[in-house]
């Protein structure tokens, strides 16, 4: 059960559409459960309260005002990374988070299987 992280761009409603929609911009997939395993090791330690709310079977939307906190927590995950695959996953997630701070009308979602 992987936990993919997706950057979505808000598509504003146009004529004939009532609600906005979202388009995928970038995906950091987790097919080998690298992120899930890493989160399992750090969960509940008090250093990652935002990430502690993740449910591998659900979804967590990270609001733009939460991204700085996410970056701090990703540094904590990076410190706990024990393999190159874990370190790479954290690096890719941090890049996605930094991109969300630069781009407008985007949001990060952690999506479980």
Protein backbone atom coordinates (compact mmCIF):
# COMPACT_ATOMS: atom_id res chain seq x y z
CA UNK A 1 0.00 0.00 0.00
CA UNK A 2 1.89 3.06 -1.24
CA UNK A 3 1.42 6.66 -0.31
CA UNK A 4 1.71 8.89 -3.36
CA UNK A 5 2.20 12.62 -3.04
CA UNK A 6 0.56 14.68 -5.77
CA UNK A 7 0.85 18.36 -6.62
CA UNK A 8 -2.41 19.59 -8.09
CA UNK A 9 -3.12 22.87 -9.86
CA UNK A 10 -6.47 24.55 -9.31
CA UNK A 11 -8.37 24.98 -12.56
CA UNK A 12 -10.85 27.78 -12.12
CA UNK A 13 -14.37 27.19 -13.37
CA UNK A 14 -15.12 28.58 -16.77
CA UNK A 15 -18.36 29.18 -18.58
CA UNK A 16 -20.80 26.37 -17.93
CA UNK A 17 -18.83 24.93 -14.98
CA UNK A 18 -19.85 25.62 -11.43
CA UNK A 19 -16.98 24.20 -9.44
CA UNK A 20 -13.23 24.39 -9.84
CA UNK A 21 -11.33 21.24 -10.67
CA UNK A 22 -7.76 20.12 -10.18
CA UNK A 23 -5.15 18.97 -12.69
CA UNK A 24 -2.15 16.85 -11.76
CA UNK A 25 1.11 18.77 -12.05
CA UNK A 26 3.62 16.38 -10.50
CA UNK A 27 3.54 13.03 -8.68
CA UNK A 28 6.01 11.49 -6.26
CA UNK A 29 4.93 7.86 -6.27
CA UNK A 30 5.67 5.36 -3.51
CA UNK A 31 5.14 1.94 -5.13
CA UNK A 32 7.57 0.20 -2.76
CA UNK A 33 6.14 1.75 0.44
CA UNK A 34 9.38 3.60 1.17
CA UNK A 35 7.52 6.62 2.57
CA UNK A 36 5.05 4.49 4.49
CA UNK A 37 7.87 2.55 6.17
CA UNK A 38 9.81 5.70 7.01
CA UNK A 39 6.73 7.41 8.45
CA UNK A 40 6.06 4.33 10.55
CA UNK A 41 9.44 4.74 12.23
CA UNK A 42 9.05 8.44 13.10
CA UNK A 43 5.32 8.58 13.83
CA UNK A 44 4.35 9.67 17.32
CA UNK A 45 7.73 11.08 18.27
CA UNK A 46 6.37 14.62 18.43
CA UNK A 47 8.59 15.98 15.66
CA UNK A 48 6.18 15.40 12.76
CA UNK A 49 2.64 16.32 13.88
CA UNK A 50 1.44 17.12 10.36
CA UNK A 51 2.83 13.91 8.87
CA UNK A 52 1.54 11.93 11.86
CA UNK A 53 -1.97 12.64 10.56
CA UNK A 54 -1.30 10.69 7.36
CA UNK A 55 -3.38 7.60 6.78
CA UNK A 56 -1.85 5.21 4.21
CA UNK A 57 -5.39 4.34 3.12
CA UNK A 58 -6.74 7.88 3.00
CA UNK A 59 -5.92 11.38 1.84
CA UNK A 60 -4.37 14.43 3.46
CA UNK A 61 -4.47 17.83 1.78
CA UNK A 62 -1.66 20.18 2.80
CA UNK A 63 -2.75 23.80 2.62
CA UNK A 64 -0.22 26.33 1.31
CA UNK A 65 0.16 27.84 4.80
CA UNK A 66 1.16 24.38 6.11
CA UNK A 67 3.97 23.86 3.57
CA UNK A 68 6.68 25.53 5.72
CA UNK A 69 5.77 23.11 8.53
CA UNK A 70 5.84 20.24 6.04
CA UNK A 71 9.37 21.24 4.99
CA UNK A 72 10.51 21.21 8.64
CA UNK A 73 8.98 17.77 9.12
CA UNK A 74 10.55 16.48 5.91
CA UNK A 75 13.95 17.48 7.34
CA UNK A 76 13.14 15.27 10.35
CA UNK A 77 12.25 12.43 7.97
CA UNK A 78 15.52 12.97 6.14
CA UNK A 79 17.42 12.60 9.40
CA UNK A 80 15.65 9.28 10.03
CA UNK A 81 16.25 7.96 6.50
CA UNK A 82 18.34 4.83 6.69
CA UNK A 83 18.64 3.91 3.02
CA UNK A 84 19.40 5.77 -0.20
CA UNK A 85 15.84 5.06 -1.37
CA UNK A 86 14.39 6.73 1.73
CA UNK A 87 16.70 9.73 1.42
CA UNK A 88 15.77 10.09 -2.26
CA UNK A 89 12.05 9.91 -1.48
CA UNK A 90 12.38 12.66 1.13
CA UNK A 91 14.46 14.80 -1.25
CA UNK A 92 11.82 14.48 -3.97
CA UNK A 93 9.04 15.38 -1.52
CA UNK A 94 10.95 18.45 -0.36
CA UNK A 95 11.37 19.55 -3.99
CA UNK A 96 7.62 19.16 -4.50
CA UNK A 97 6.91 21.20 -1.36
CA UNK A 98 9.28 23.97 -2.43
CA UNK A 99 7.64 24.04 -5.85
CA UNK A 100 4.24 24.50 -4.20
CA UNK A 101 5.58 27.61 -2.48
CA UNK A 102 6.73 29.09 -5.82
CA UNK A 103 3.69 28.22 -7.91
CA UNK A 104 0.28 29.73 -7.41
CA UNK A 105 -3.01 27.84 -7.26
CA UNK A 106 -1.47 24.49 -6.29
CA UNK A 107 -1.93 22.11 -3.41
CA UNK A 108 -0.18 19.01 -2.14
CA UNK A 109 -2.16 15.86 -1.42
CA UNK A 110 -0.87 12.69 0.18
CA UNK A 111 -2.99 9.94 -1.35
CA UNK A 112 -3.07 6.40 0.01
CA UNK A 113 -4.06 3.31 -1.90
